[in-house]
C-alpha atoms as a PDB file:
ATOM      1  CA  UNK A   1       0.137   0.132  -0.099  1.00  0.00           C
ATOM      2  CA  UNK A   2       1.622   3.317  -1.208  1.00  0.00           C
ATOM      3  CA  UNK A   3       0.928   6.556   1.141  1.00  0.00           C
ATOM      4  CA  UNK A   4       1.138   9.753  -0.383  1.00  0.00           C
ATOM      5  CA  UNK A   5       2.737  12.766   1.632  1.00  0.00           C
ATOM      6  CA  UNK A   6      -0.931  14.069   2.602  1.00  0.00           C
ATOM      7  CA  UNK A   7      -2.021  10.828   4.024  1.00  0.00           C
ATOM      8  CA  UNK A   8       1.398  10.308   6.108  1.00  0.00           C
ATOM      9  CA  UNK A   9       1.115  13.851   7.284  1.00  0.00           C
ATOM     10  CA  UNK A  10      -2.080  13.181   8.279  1.00  0.00           C
ATOM     11  CA  UNK A  11      -1.171  10.017  10.189  1.00  0.00           C
ATOM     12  CA  UNK A  12       1.828  11.794  12.005  1.00  0.00           C
ATOM     13  CA  UNK A  13      -0.641  14.949  12.944  1.00  0.00           C
ATOM     14  CA  UNK A  14      -3.014  12.230  14.692  1.00  0.00           C
ATOM     15  CA  UNK A  15      -0.343   9.949  16.441  1.00  0.00           C
ATOM     16  CA  UNK A  16       0.961  13.173  17.524  1.00  0.00           C
ATOM     17  CA  UNK A  17      -2.022  14.313  18.856  1.00  0.00           C
ATOM     18  CA  UNK A  18      -2.846  11.184  20.571  1.00  0.00           C
ATOM     19  CA  UNK A  19       0.178  10.672  22.436  1.00  0.00           C
ATOM     20  CA  UNK A  20      -0.173  14.498  23.682  1.00  0.00           C
ATOM     21  CA  UNK A  21      -3.590  13.498  24.980  1.00  0.00           C
ATOM     22  CA  UNK A  22      -2.326  10.294  26.761  1.00  0.00           C
ATOM     23  CA  UNK A  23       0.364  12.280  28.079  1.00  0.00           C
ATOM     24  CA  UNK A  24      -1.370  14.862  29.533  1.00  0.00           C
ATOM     25  CA  UNK A  25      -4.035  12.322  30.923  1.00  0.00           C
ATOM     26  CA  UNK A  26      -1.943   9.491  32.405  1.00  0.00           C
ATOM     27  CA  UNK A  27       0.532  12.144  33.812  1.00  0.00           C
ATOM     28  CA  UNK A  28      -1.311  14.204  36.220  1.00  0.00           C
ATOM     29  CA  UNK A  29      -1.682  17.198  34.579  1.00  0.00           C
ATOM     30  CA  UNK A  30      -5.311  16.859  34.377  1.00  0.00           C
ATOM     31  CA  UNK A  31      -7.482  15.250  37.179  1.00  0.00           C
ATOM     32  CA  UNK A  32     -10.845  14.802  37.647  1.00  0.00           C
ATOM     33  CA  UNK A  33     -12.498  17.310  40.381  1.00  0.00           C
ATOM     34  CA  UNK A  34     -15.371  16.822  43.142  1.00  0.00           C
ATOM     35  CA  UNK A  35     -17.601  19.580  42.317  1.00  0.00           C
ATOM     36  CA  UNK A  36     -18.346  19.751  46.039  1.00  0.00           C
ATOM     37  CA  UNK A  37     -14.995  20.283  47.050  1.00  0.00           C
ATOM     38  CA  UNK A  38     -14.407  23.082  44.219  1.00  0.00           C
ATOM     39  CA  UNK A  39     -15.286  26.607  44.985  1.00  0.00           C
ATOM     40  CA  UNK A  40     -18.063  27.840  42.570  1.00  0.00           C
ATOM     41  CA  UNK A  41     -16.313  31.694  42.124  1.00  0.00           C
ATOM     42  CA  UNK A  42     -13.557  32.078  40.178  1.00  0.00           C
ATOM     43  CA  UNK A  43     -11.768  34.570  42.444  1.00  0.00           C
ATOM     44  CA  UNK A  44     -12.543  32.193  45.203  1.00  0.00           C
ATOM     45  CA  UNK A  45     -10.830  29.012  43.258  1.00  0.00           C
ATOM     46  CA  UNK A  46      -7.654  31.324  42.315  1.00  0.00           C
ATOM     47  CA  UNK A  47      -7.210  32.267  46.597  1.00  0.00           C
ATOM     48  CA  UNK A  48      -7.401  28.364  47.519  1.00  0.00           C
ATOM     49  CA  UNK A  49      -5.179  27.645  44.457  1.00  0.00           C
ATOM     50  CA  UNK A  50      -2.752  29.943  45.544  1.00  0.00           C
ATOM     51  CA  UNK A  51      -3.188  28.979  49.091  1.00  0.00           C
ATOM     52  CA  UNK A  52      -2.419  25.564  48.268  1.00  0.00           C
ATOM     53  CA  UNK A  53       0.494  26.438  46.264  1.00  0.00           C
ATOM     54  CA  UNK A  54      -0.786  25.708  43.099  1.00  0.00           C
ATOM     55  CA  UNK A  55      -0.916  28.751  41.063  1.00  0.00           C
ATOM     56  CA  UNK A  56       0.286  32.516  40.566  1.00  0.00           C
ATOM     57  CA  UNK A  57      -0.942  36.358  40.484  1.00  0.00           C
ATOM     58  CA  UNK A  58       0.137  38.240  37.581  1.00  0.00           C
ATOM     59  CA  UNK A  59      -1.217  41.508  39.211  1.00  0.00           C
ATOM     60  CA  UNK A  60      -1.375  41.498  43.248  1.00  0.00           C
ATOM     61  CA  UNK A  61      -4.492  43.714  44.501  1.00  0.00           C
ATOM     62  CA  UNK A  62      -3.542  43.223  47.711  1.00  0.00           C
ATOM     63  CA  UNK A  63       0.104  44.389  48.623  1.00  0.00           C
ATOM     64  CA  UNK A  64       2.365  42.098  49.482  1.00  0.00           C
ATOM     65  CA  UNK A  65       4.204  43.300  52.801  1.00  0.00           C
ATOM     66  CA  UNK A  66       7.234  40.882  52.477  1.00  0.00           C
ATOM     67  CA  UNK A  67      10.571  41.229  51.030  1.00  0.00           C
ATOM     68  CA  UNK A  68      11.464  42.042  47.871  1.00  0.00           C
ATOM     69  CA  UNK A  69       8.744  45.066  47.608  1.00  0.00           C
ATOM     70  CA  UNK A  70      10.117  48.355  47.058  1.00  0.00           C
ATOM     71  CA  UNK A  71       8.324  51.670  47.140  1.00  0.00           C
ATOM     72  CA  UNK A  72       8.701  54.599  44.880  1.00  0.00           C
ATOM     73  CA  UNK A  73      12.369  56.085  45.941  1.00  0.00           C
ATOM     74  CA  UNK A  74      10.760  59.275  46.872  1.00  0.00           C
ATOM     75  CA  UNK A  75       8.526  58.000  49.516  1.00  0.00           C
ATOM     76  CA  UNK A  76      10.861  55.642  51.172  1.00  0.00           C
ATOM     77  CA  UNK A  77      12.116  57.907  54.151  1.00  0.00           C
ATOM     78  CA  UNK A  78      15.126  55.341  54.563  1.00  0.00           C
ATOM     79  CA  UNK A  79      16.070  56.093  51.129  1.00  0.00           C
ATOM     80  CA  UNK A  80      15.531  59.875  50.936  1.00  0.00           C
ATOM     81  CA  UNK A  81      17.555  60.374  54.222  1.00  0.00           C
ATOM     82  CA  UNK A  82      20.603  58.686  53.121  1.00  0.00           C
ATOM     83  CA  UNK A  83      20.784  60.699  50.178  1.00  0.00           C
ATOM     84  CA  UNK A  84      19.814  63.983  51.985  1.00  0.00           C
ATOM     85  CA  UNK A  85      22.765  62.719  54.757  1.00  0.00           C
ATOM     86  CA  UNK A  86      25.175  61.892  52.193  1.00  0.00           C
ATOM     87  CA  UNK A  87      24.741  64.821  49.896  1.00  0.00           C
ATOM     88  CA  UNK A  88      27.986  66.295  50.898  1.00  0.00           C
ATOM     89  CA  UNK A  89      29.942  63.486  48.541  1.00  0.00           C
ATOM     90  CA  UNK A  90      29.272  62.602  44.949  1.00  0.00           C
ATOM     91  CA  UNK A  91      27.931  59.032  44.207  1.00  0.00           C
ATOM     92  CA  UNK A  92      29.260  56.346  42.287  1.00  0.00           C
ATOM     93  CA  UNK A  93      26.466  54.116  42.374  1.00  0.00           C
ATOM     94  CA  UNK A  94      23.012  54.893  43.533  1.00  0.00           C
ATOM     95  CA  UNK A  95      20.796  51.411  42.527  1.00  0.00           C
ATOM     96  CA  UNK A  96      17.460  51.824  44.419  1.00  0.00           C
ATOM     97  CA  UNK A  97      16.393  48.643  42.820  1.00  0.00           C
ATOM     98  CA  UNK A  98      19.128  46.764  44.177  1.00  0.00           C
ATOM     99  CA  UNK A  99      19.401  48.653  47.393  1.00  0.00           C
ATOM    100  CA  UNK A 100      22.615  50.181  47.436  1.00  0.00           C
ATOM    101  CA  UNK A 101      24.292  53.825  47.412  1.00  0.00           C
ATOM    102  CA  UNK A 102      28.071  53.943  47.175  1.00  0.00           C
ATOM    103  CA  UNK A 103      29.502  57.177  47.491  1.00  0.00           C
ATOM    104  CA  UNK A 104      32.846  58.231  45.590  1.00  0.00           C
ATOM    105  CA  UNK A 105      36.211  58.571  47.125  1.00  0.00           C
ATOM    106  CA  UNK A 106      36.305  61.586  49.565  1.00  0.00           C
ATOM    107  CA  UNK A 107      39.284  63.121  50.961  1.00  0.00           C
ATOM    108  CA  UNK A 108      39.281  66.584  53.084  1.00  0.00           C
ATOM    109  CA  UNK A 109      41.150  69.407  51.686  1.00  0.00           C
ATOM    110  CA  UNK A 110      44.031  69.083  54.167  1.00  0.00           C
ATOM    111  CA  UNK A 111      44.752  65.471  53.685  1.00  0.00           C
ATOM    112  CA  UNK A 112      44.632  64.179  49.856  1.00  0.00           C
ATOM    113  CA  UNK A 113      46.316  60.884  50.393  1.00  0.00           C
ATOM    114  CA  UNK A 114      43.932  59.909  52.887  1.00  0.00           C
ATOM    115  CA  UNK A 115      40.287  59.022  51.795  1.00  0.00           C
ATOM    116  CA  UNK A 116      37.103  57.254  52.602  1.00  0.00           C
ATOM    117  CA  UNK A 117      34.334  55.612  50.784  1.00  0.00           C
ATOM    118  CA  UNK A 118      30.903  55.079  52.274  1.00  0.00           C
ATOM    119  CA  UNK A 119      28.509  52.188  51.022  1.00  0.00           C
ATOM    120  CA  UNK A 120      24.918  52.152  52.535  1.00  0.00           C
ATOM    121  CA  UNK A 121      23.125  48.736  51.899  1.00  0.00           C
ATOM    122  CA  UNK A 122      19.027  48.691  52.518  1.00  0.00           C
ATOM    123  CA  UNK A 123      17.875  45.426  54.008  1.00  0.00           C
ATOM    124  CA  UNK A 124      14.307  46.567  54.393  1.00  0.00           C
ATOM    125  CA  UNK A 125      12.016  49.504  53.607  1.00  0.00           C
ATOM    126  CA  UNK A 126      11.439  49.478  57.713  1.00  0.00           C
ATOM    127  CA  UNK A 127      12.825  52.079  59.877  1.00  0.00           C
ATOM    128  CA  UNK A 128      14.797  49.430  62.015  1.00  0.00           C
ATOM    129  CA  UNK A 129      18.344  49.694  62.535  1.00  0.00           C
ATOM    130  CA  UNK A 130      18.819  45.944  61.227  1.00  0.00           C
ATOM    131  CA  UNK A 131      16.842  47.308  58.186  1.00  0.00           C
ATOM    132  CA  UNK A 132      20.398  49.168  56.784  1.00  0.00           C
ATOM    133  CA  UNK A 133      23.987  48.192  57.033  1.00  0.00           C
ATOM    134  CA  UNK A 134      26.502  51.071  56.630  1.00  0.00           C
ATOM    135  CA  UNK A 135      30.523  50.424  55.751  1.00  0.00           C
ATOM    136  CA  UNK A 136      33.231  52.596  55.393  1.00  0.00           C
ATOM    137  CA  UNK A 137      36.446  51.969  53.339  1.00  0.00           C
ATOM    138  CA  UNK A 138      39.961  53.909  54.007  1.00  0.00           C
ATOM    139  CA  UNK A 139      42.139  54.635  50.890  1.00  0.00           C
ATOM    140  CA  UNK A 140      45.877  55.797  51.718  1.00  0.00           C
ATOM    141  CA  UNK A 141      48.112  56.576  49.023  1.00  0.00           C
ATOM    142  CA  UNK A 142      51.613  56.866  48.895  1.00  0.00           C
ATOM    143  CA  UNK A 143      52.553  59.739  47.275  1.00  0.00           C
ATOM    144  CA  UNK A 144      56.068  58.581  46.393  1.00  0.00           C
ATOM    145  CA  UNK A 145      55.296  55.463  44.218  1.00  0.00           C
ATOM    146  CA  UNK A 146      51.467  56.057  43.537  1.00  0.00           C
ATOM    147  CA  UNK A 147      50.499  52.887  45.029  1.00  0.00           C
ATOM    148  CA  UNK A 148      47.048  52.846  47.310  1.00  0.00           C
ATOM    149  CA  UNK A 149      46.437  50.795  50.390  1.00  0.00           C
ATOM    150  CA  UNK A 150      42.138  49.893  51.099  1.00  0.00           C
ATOM    151  CA  UNK A 151      41.055  48.704  54.147  1.00  0.00           C
ATOM    152  CA  UNK A 152      37.500  48.650  55.500  1.00  0.00           C
ATOM    153  CA  UNK A 153      37.331  50.579  58.871  1.00  0.00           C
ATOM    154  CA  UNK A 154      35.406  49.208  61.591  1.00  0.00           C
ATOM    155  CA  UNK A 155      35.043  52.631  63.371  1.00  0.00           C
ATOM    156  CA  UNK A 156      32.268  54.551  65.151  1.00  0.00           C
ATOM    157  CA  UNK A 157      31.671  56.561  62.313  1.00  0.00           C
ATOM    158  CA  UNK A 158      29.574  53.861  60.226  1.00  0.00           C
ATOM    159  CA  UNK A 159      27.266  53.476  63.579  1.00  0.00           C
ATOM    160  CA  UNK A 160      27.078  57.314  64.028  1.00  0.00           C
ATOM    161  CA  UNK A 161      25.869  57.293  59.855  1.00  0.00           C
ATOM    162  CA  UNK A 162      23.597  54.603  60.279  1.00  0.00           C
ATOM    163  CA  UNK A 163      22.117  56.350  63.431  1.00  0.00           C
ATOM    164  CA  UNK A 164      22.011  59.753  61.757  1.00  0.00           C
ATOM    165  CA  UNK A 165      20.089  58.112  58.853  1.00  0.00           C
ATOM    166  CA  UNK A 166      17.597  56.241  61.170  1.00  0.00           C
ATOM    167  CA  UNK A 167      17.179  59.989  62.843  1.00  0.00           C
ATOM    168  CA  UNK A 168      16.333  61.522  59.606  1.00  0.00           C
ATOM    169  CA  UNK A 169      14.101  58.700  58.159  1.00  0.00           C
ATOM    170  CA  UNK A 170      12.089  59.302  61.556  1.00  0.00           C
ATOM    171  CA  UNK A 171      11.576  62.594  60.782  1.00  0.00           C
ATOM    172  CA  UNK A 172      10.708  62.364  56.736  1.00  0.00           C
ATOM    173  CA  UNK A 173       8.418  59.647  58.177  1.00  0.00           C
ATOM    174  CA  UNK A 174       6.669  62.066  60.102  1.00  0.00           C
ATOM    175  CA  UNK A 175       6.111  64.459  57.440  1.00  0.00           C
ATOM    176  CA  UNK A 176       4.335  62.147  55.198  1.00  0.00           C
ATOM    177  CA  UNK A 177       0.573  62.186  54.731  1.00  0.00           C
ATOM    178  CA  UNK A 178      -1.286  59.736  56.473  1.00  0.00           C
ATOM    179  CA  UNK A 179      -1.969  57.981  53.149  1.00  0.00           C
ATOM    180  CA  UNK A 180       1.732  57.681  52.526  1.00  0.00           C
ATOM    181  CA  UNK A 181       1.227  58.586  49.027  1.00  0.00           C
ATOM    182  CA  UNK A 182       4.543  61.101  49.131  1.00  0.00           C
ATOM    183  CA  UNK A 183       5.586  63.783  51.021  1.00  0.00           C
ATOM    184  CA  UNK A 184       4.055  67.507  51.786  1.00  0.00           C
ATOM    185  CA  UNK A 185       4.917  70.280  49.443  1.00  0.00           C
ATOM    186  CA  UNK A 186       5.818  73.312  51.158  1.00  0.00           C
ATOM    187  CA  UNK A 187       5.422  73.628  54.757  1.00  0.00           C
END
């Protein structure tokens, strides 16, 4: 029996379709359900599936308060407080979505060979002492051979900066309207 190309393609498609149907029904992708145990409303079914870990949400109407949710930078008091307190030094990296601010090397006019770099890492949007990490690096350069030594400072200065950011963030939060949508403009 001689098969034409058209009938051969038809049989291949039919076999693939039968295999797909068999695979989906036998692998557990399709399961028969009891109508008495499944909520009638679509929203209730979706909520039940998410609670059981069977689904996900694309557009979450109820705001998730867990980690990884960031407010817009201008309405985050910790972020604004840090920007305002470190405005005396230029920034080399400011990444709101990554939660980090890194200043450029800062030196006092008297001592050109000694400079500091401040790094602030945001661990939370809440105003808490464990919500941010401040680290300071010191760079001492030798003017004779232009070699520099960089080391992390373990001084009280990083703790003082952290406390100043927390105090400023608390003040900025008090200035926010009760709705939490932004800051008051003007007095």
